[in-house]
N, C-alpha and C. Protein backbone atom coordinates (compact mmCIF):
# COMPACT_ATOMS: atom_id res chain seq x y z
N MET A 1 83.21 115.87 70.47
CA MET A 1 84.32 114.96 70.71
C MET A 1 85.05 115.43 71.97
N VAL A 2 85.44 114.50 72.77
CA VAL A 2 86.14 114.81 74.01
C VAL A 2 87.64 114.86 73.72
N LYS A 3 88.26 115.97 74.06
CA LYS A 3 89.70 116.12 73.80
C LYS A 3 90.51 116.15 75.08
N GLY A 4 89.86 116.07 76.24
CA GLY A 4 90.59 116.02 77.48
C GLY A 4 90.92 117.38 78.06
N HIS A 5 90.29 118.42 77.57
CA HIS A 5 90.56 119.76 78.08
C HIS A 5 89.36 120.36 78.80
N GLY A 6 88.41 119.51 79.14
CA GLY A 6 87.19 119.99 79.79
C GLY A 6 87.41 120.32 81.26
N PRO A 7 86.41 120.90 81.88
CA PRO A 7 86.54 121.33 83.27
C PRO A 7 86.68 120.17 84.26
N MET A 8 86.20 119.00 83.91
CA MET A 8 86.27 117.85 84.82
C MET A 8 87.48 116.95 84.56
N ASN A 9 88.27 117.27 83.55
CA ASN A 9 89.39 116.41 83.19
C ASN A 9 90.39 116.29 84.33
N ARG A 10 90.71 117.39 84.98
CA ARG A 10 91.68 117.35 86.08
C ARG A 10 91.16 116.47 87.21
N ASP A 11 89.88 116.59 87.53
CA ASP A 11 89.29 115.75 88.58
C ASP A 11 89.30 114.27 88.18
N ARG A 12 88.98 114.01 86.92
CA ARG A 12 88.94 112.63 86.43
C ARG A 12 90.34 112.00 86.51
N LEU A 13 91.34 112.74 86.07
CA LEU A 13 92.70 112.21 86.11
C LEU A 13 93.19 112.04 87.55
N ALA A 14 92.85 112.97 88.42
CA ALA A 14 93.25 112.86 89.83
C ALA A 14 92.63 111.62 90.45
N HIS A 15 91.38 111.35 90.12
CA HIS A 15 90.71 110.16 90.64
C HIS A 15 91.39 108.89 90.14
N LYS A 16 91.76 108.89 88.86
CA LYS A 16 92.41 107.73 88.27
C LYS A 16 93.77 107.48 88.94
N VAL A 17 94.54 108.53 89.16
CA VAL A 17 95.85 108.40 89.81
C VAL A 17 95.69 107.90 91.24
N LYS A 18 94.72 108.44 91.96
CA LYS A 18 94.49 108.02 93.35
C LYS A 18 94.09 106.55 93.40
N ALA A 19 93.24 106.13 92.49
CA ALA A 19 92.81 104.73 92.45
C ALA A 19 94.01 103.82 92.17
N TRP A 20 94.90 104.22 91.28
CA TRP A 20 96.09 103.44 90.96
C TRP A 20 97.00 103.34 92.19
N GLU A 21 97.19 104.47 92.87
CA GLU A 21 98.05 104.47 94.05
C GLU A 21 97.43 103.67 95.19
N ASP A 22 96.12 103.77 95.37
CA ASP A 22 95.45 103.03 96.44
C ASP A 22 95.46 101.53 96.17
N GLY A 23 95.56 101.14 94.93
CA GLY A 23 95.57 99.72 94.58
C GLY A 23 96.96 99.12 94.55
N ALA A 24 97.98 99.89 94.88
CA ALA A 24 99.36 99.39 94.80
C ALA A 24 99.55 98.18 95.72
N TRP A 25 98.96 98.20 96.89
CA TRP A 25 99.16 97.09 97.82
C TRP A 25 98.60 95.79 97.26
N VAL A 26 97.54 95.88 96.46
CA VAL A 26 96.97 94.68 95.87
C VAL A 26 97.92 94.10 94.83
N ARG A 27 98.49 94.98 94.00
CA ARG A 27 99.43 94.51 92.99
C ARG A 27 100.68 93.92 93.64
N GLU A 28 101.16 94.55 94.70
CA GLU A 28 102.34 94.03 95.41
C GLU A 28 102.04 92.67 96.04
N ALA A 29 100.87 92.53 96.64
CA ALA A 29 100.49 91.26 97.26
C ALA A 29 100.35 90.16 96.20
N ALA A 30 99.78 90.48 95.07
CA ALA A 30 99.63 89.49 94.00
C ALA A 30 100.99 89.06 93.47
N ALA A 31 101.91 90.00 93.32
CA ALA A 31 103.25 89.66 92.85
C ALA A 31 103.97 88.79 93.87
N ALA A 32 103.85 89.12 95.15
CA ALA A 32 104.49 88.32 96.20
C ALA A 32 103.90 86.91 96.22
N HIS A 33 102.60 86.82 96.07
CA HIS A 33 101.94 85.51 96.07
C HIS A 33 102.42 84.68 94.88
N ALA A 34 102.51 85.28 93.71
CA ALA A 34 102.96 84.57 92.52
C ALA A 34 104.41 84.11 92.69
N ALA A 35 105.24 84.96 93.27
CA ALA A 35 106.64 84.58 93.50
C ALA A 35 106.73 83.42 94.48
N LYS A 36 105.92 83.47 95.51
CA LYS A 36 105.92 82.39 96.51
C LYS A 36 105.48 81.07 95.87
N ARG A 37 104.46 81.12 95.05
CA ARG A 37 103.98 79.91 94.38
C ARG A 37 105.02 79.36 93.43
N SER A 38 105.71 80.23 92.71
CA SER A 38 106.72 79.75 91.75
C SER A 38 107.90 79.15 92.50
N ARG A 39 108.27 79.69 93.66
CA ARG A 39 109.36 79.09 94.45
C ARG A 39 108.96 77.71 94.96
N ARG A 40 107.69 77.54 95.34
CA ARG A 40 107.23 76.24 95.83
C ARG A 40 107.24 75.19 94.73
N ARG A 41 106.91 75.60 93.52
CA ARG A 41 106.87 74.63 92.41
C ARG A 41 108.27 74.20 91.99
N VAL A 42 109.24 75.10 92.08
CA VAL A 42 110.61 74.79 91.69
C VAL A 42 111.25 73.87 92.72
N ALA A 43 110.99 74.11 93.98
CA ALA A 43 111.65 73.34 95.05
C ALA A 43 111.06 71.97 95.22
């Protein structure tokens, strides 16, 4: 059973954090696009 204390756990978590941080611009762009679309529908 994997408990998260193995030798590769630190590398795996670092990769996951980096991927989340690198994808921030995509999430921001999607939120901006959704906000723009909702403003257009209201007006």
